Amino acid sequence: MTAPEQVDRILLTAAVVLILLAGALLLARIWRGPSMLDRAISLDVCAALIIAGLAAKSAFARDPFYFPIMLVLAFLGFTGSVGIARFIAVRDRPRDTPRSPRPDDTEEGPG
């Protein structure tokens, strides 16, 4: 094994370790929350980590087989994030509720 190949293996191994560490932290964020938006963003990051893992596997094996799969996962992750964001935006939209008149508010005004 030549020196550049050895450096490639070391860097790819380090990348896989970092991806696994990020995945563990991501699972903690999904578990703890605290809000639905945090969980939605975490699921989007989960799709990105899966894509990064497939990219590392593809680079390690020097095989371009996973590139179309990564492209489809990126599209699904994006559309899923947009859908969740729209759902949360509609759910959290403030409602127009009429104010109840207070006794000291009159329509005529002072004097």
C-alpha atoms as a PDB file:
ATOM      1  CA  MET A   1       0.000   0.000   0.000  1.00  0.00           C
ATOM      2  CA  THR A   2       1.415   3.359  -0.997  1.00  0.00           C
ATOM      3  CA  ALA A   3       1.518   6.409   1.237  1.00  0.00           C
ATOM      4  CA  PRO A   4      -1.387   8.245  -0.485  1.00  0.00           C
ATOM      5  CA  GLU A   5      -3.575   5.130  -0.221  1.00  0.00           C
ATOM      6  CA  GLN A   6      -2.736   4.837   3.454  1.00  0.00           C
ATOM      7  CA  VAL A   7      -3.635   8.490   4.014  1.00  0.00           C
ATOM      8  CA  ASP A   8      -6.919   7.894   2.152  1.00  0.00           C
ATOM      9  CA  ARG A   9      -7.761   4.953   4.414  1.00  0.00           C
ATOM     10  CA  ILE A  10      -6.951   6.923   7.560  1.00  0.00           C
ATOM     11  CA  LEU A  11      -9.068   9.896   6.455  1.00  0.00           C
ATOM     12  CA  LEU A  12     -11.985   7.696   5.439  1.00  0.00           C
ATOM     13  CA  THR A  13     -11.833   5.852   8.751  1.00  0.00           C
ATOM     14  CA  ALA A  14     -11.818   9.181  10.600  1.00  0.00           C
ATOM     15  CA  ALA A  15     -14.803  10.333   8.510  1.00  0.00           C
ATOM     16  CA  VAL A  16     -16.764   7.175   9.370  1.00  0.00           C
ATOM     17  CA  VAL A  17     -15.982   7.610  13.070  1.00  0.00           C
ATOM     18  CA  LEU A  18     -17.181  11.223  12.959  1.00  0.00           C
ATOM     19  CA  ILE A  19     -20.350  10.202  11.111  1.00  0.00           C
ATOM     20  CA  LEU A  20     -21.083   7.572  13.767  1.00  0.00           C
ATOM     21  CA  LEU A  21     -20.449  10.102  16.546  1.00  0.00           C
ATOM     22  CA  ALA A  22     -22.780  12.589  14.853  1.00  0.00           C
ATOM     23  CA  GLY A  23     -25.387   9.839  14.540  1.00  0.00           C
ATOM     24  CA  ALA A  24     -25.199   9.107  18.263  1.00  0.00           C
ATOM     25  CA  LEU A  25     -25.610  12.795  19.106  1.00  0.00           C
ATOM     26  CA  LEU A  26     -28.446  13.005  16.607  1.00  0.00           C
ATOM     27  CA  LEU A  27     -30.323  10.173  18.299  1.00  0.00           C
ATOM     28  CA  ALA A  28     -29.943  11.993  21.611  1.00  0.00           C
ATOM     29  CA  ARG A  29     -31.439  15.143  20.052  1.00  0.00           C
ATOM     30  CA  ILE A  30     -34.353  13.192  18.575  1.00  0.00           C
ATOM     31  CA  TRP A  31     -34.996  11.524  21.935  1.00  0.00           C
ATOM     32  CA  ARG A  32     -34.777  14.692  24.066  1.00  0.00           C
ATOM     33  CA  GLY A  33     -36.539  17.129  21.759  1.00  0.00           C
ATOM     34  CA  PRO A  34     -37.724  19.454  23.345  1.00  0.00           C
ATOM     35  CA  SER A  35     -39.915  20.694  20.490  1.00  0.00           C
ATOM     36  CA  MET A  36     -41.344  19.129  17.370  1.00  0.00           C
ATOM     37  CA  LEU A  37     -39.211  21.431  15.230  1.00  0.00           C
ATOM     38  CA  ASP A  38     -36.030  20.095  16.868  1.00  0.00           C
ATOM     39  CA  ARG A  39     -37.096  16.574  16.025  1.00  0.00           C
ATOM     40  CA  ALA A  40     -37.930  17.544  12.437  1.00  0.00           C
ATOM     41  CA  ILE A  41     -34.534  19.138  11.929  1.00  0.00           C
ATOM     42  CA  SER A  42     -32.908  16.088  13.478  1.00  0.00           C
ATOM     43  CA  LEU A  43     -34.637  13.812  10.985  1.00  0.00           C
ATOM     44  CA  ASP A  44     -33.358  16.008   8.153  1.00  0.00           C
ATOM     45  CA  VAL A  45     -29.844  15.748   9.553  1.00  0.00           C
ATOM     46  CA  CYS A  46     -30.363  11.984   9.802  1.00  0.00           C
ATOM     47  CA  ALA A  47     -30.933  11.865   6.033  1.00  0.00           C
ATOM     48  CA  ALA A  48     -27.749  13.890   5.523  1.00  0.00           C
ATOM     49  CA  LEU A  49     -25.792  11.499   7.741  1.00  0.00           C
ATOM     50  CA  ILE A  50     -27.071   8.502   5.818  1.00  0.00           C
ATOM     51  CA  ILE A  51     -25.951  10.165   2.603  1.00  0.00           C
ATOM     52  CA  ALA A  52     -22.537  10.907   4.132  1.00  0.00           C
ATOM     53  CA  GLY A  53     -22.235   7.290   5.279  1.00  0.00           C
ATOM     54  CA  LEU A  54     -23.053   6.029   1.806  1.00  0.00           C
ATOM     55  CA  ALA A  55     -20.519   8.450   0.339  1.00  0.00           C
ATOM     56  CA  ALA A  56     -17.840   7.178   2.717  1.00  0.00           C
ATOM     57  CA  LYS A  57     -18.698   3.575   1.840  1.00  0.00           C
ATOM     58  CA  SER A  58     -18.579   4.418  -1.849  1.00  0.00           C
ATOM     59  CA  ALA A  59     -15.220   6.152  -1.479  1.00  0.00           C
ATOM     60  CA  PHE A  60     -13.830   3.316   0.615  1.00  0.00           C
ATOM     61  CA  ALA A  61     -14.839   0.697  -1.962  1.00  0.00           C
ATOM     62  CA  ARG A  62     -14.090   3.017  -4.904  1.00  0.00           C
ATOM     63  CA  ASP A  63     -17.489   2.100  -6.325  1.00  0.00           C
ATOM     64  CA  PRO A  64     -19.918   4.693  -7.808  1.00  0.00           C
ATOM     65  CA  PHE A  65     -22.926   2.375  -7.314  1.00  0.00           C
ATOM     66  CA  TYR A  66     -24.390   4.438  -4.439  1.00  0.00           C
ATOM     67  CA  PHE A  67     -24.411   7.832  -6.190  1.00  0.00           C
ATOM     68  CA  PRO A  68     -27.976   7.566  -7.584  1.00  0.00           C
ATOM     69  CA  ILE A  69     -29.186   6.277  -4.214  1.00  0.00           C
ATOM     70  CA  MET A  70     -27.585   9.269  -2.488  1.00  0.00           C
ATOM     71  CA  LEU A  71     -29.285  11.600  -4.977  1.00  0.00           C
ATOM     72  CA  VAL A  72     -32.721  10.084  -4.303  1.00  0.00           C
ATOM     73  CA  LEU A  73     -32.159  10.246  -0.525  1.00  0.00           C
ATOM     74  CA  ALA A  74     -31.164  13.910  -0.800  1.00  0.00           C
ATOM     75  CA  PHE A  75     -34.362  14.648  -2.724  1.00  0.00           C
ATOM     76  CA  LEU A  76     -36.519  12.746  -0.243  1.00  0.00           C
ATOM     77  CA  GLY A  77     -34.829  14.453   2.714  1.00  0.00           C
ATOM     78  CA  PHE A  78     -35.408  17.875   1.183  1.00  0.00           C
ATOM     79  CA  THR A  79     -39.064  17.272   0.346  1.00  0.00           C
ATOM     80  CA  GLY A  80     -39.662  15.745   3.758  1.00  0.00           C
ATOM     81  CA  SER A  81     -38.152  18.771   5.473  1.00  0.00           C
ATOM     82  CA  VAL A  82     -40.242  21.170   3.416  1.00  0.00           C
ATOM     83  CA  GLY A  83     -43.389  19.173   4.166  1.00  0.00           C
ATOM     84  CA  ILE A  84     -42.715  19.101   7.883  1.00  0.00           C
ATOM     85  CA  ALA A  85     -41.891  22.810   7.901  1.00  0.00           C
ATOM     86  CA  ARG A  86     -45.169  23.610   6.130  1.00  0.00           C
ATOM     87  CA  PHE A  87     -47.108  21.436   8.559  1.00  0.00           C
ATOM     88  CA  ILE A  88     -45.502  23.114  11.570  1.00  0.00           C
ATOM     89  CA  ALA A  89     -46.019  26.577  10.058  1.00  0.00           C
ATOM     90  CA  VAL A  90     -49.732  25.935   9.524  1.00  0.00           C
ATOM     91  CA  ARG A  91     -50.126  24.364  12.959  1.00  0.00           C
ATOM     92  CA  ASP A  92     -48.341  27.206  14.774  1.00  0.00           C
ATOM     93  CA  ARG A  93     -50.013  30.052  12.866  1.00  0.00           C
ATOM     94  CA  PRO A  94     -51.688  32.489  15.280  1.00  0.00           C
ATOM     95  CA  ARG A  95     -55.446  32.507  15.054  1.00  0.00           C
ATOM     96  CA  ASP A  96     -57.406  35.724  14.664  1.00  0.00           C
ATOM     97  CA  THR A  97     -59.581  35.801  17.748  1.00  0.00           C
ATOM     98  CA  PRO A  98     -61.818  38.773  18.420  1.00  0.00           C
ATOM     99  CA  ARG A  99     -60.900  40.706  21.516  1.00  0.00           C
ATOM    100  CA  SER A 100     -63.510  40.908  24.191  1.00  0.00           C
ATOM    101  CA  PRO A 101     -64.412  44.537  24.894  1.00  0.00           C
ATOM    102  CA  ARG A 102     -63.296  45.890  28.216  1.00  0.00           C
ATOM    103  CA  PRO A 103     -65.687  48.089  30.218  1.00  0.00           C
ATOM    104  CA  ASP A 104     -63.475  51.177  29.903  1.00  0.00           C
ATOM    105  CA  ASP A 105     -63.155  50.854  26.076  1.00  0.00           C
ATOM    106  CA  THR A 106     -65.899  52.826  24.374  1.00  0.00           C
ATOM    107  CA  GLU A 107     -66.404  53.432  20.695  1.00  0.00           C
ATOM    108  CA  GLU A 108     -67.078  57.151  21.164  1.00  0.00           C
ATOM    109  CA  GLY A 109     -63.731  58.116  22.617  1.00  0.00           C
ATOM    110  CA  PRO A 110     -63.077  60.906  25.127  1.00  0.00           C
ATOM    111  CA  GLY A 111     -65.222  63.933  25.449  1.00  0.00           C
END
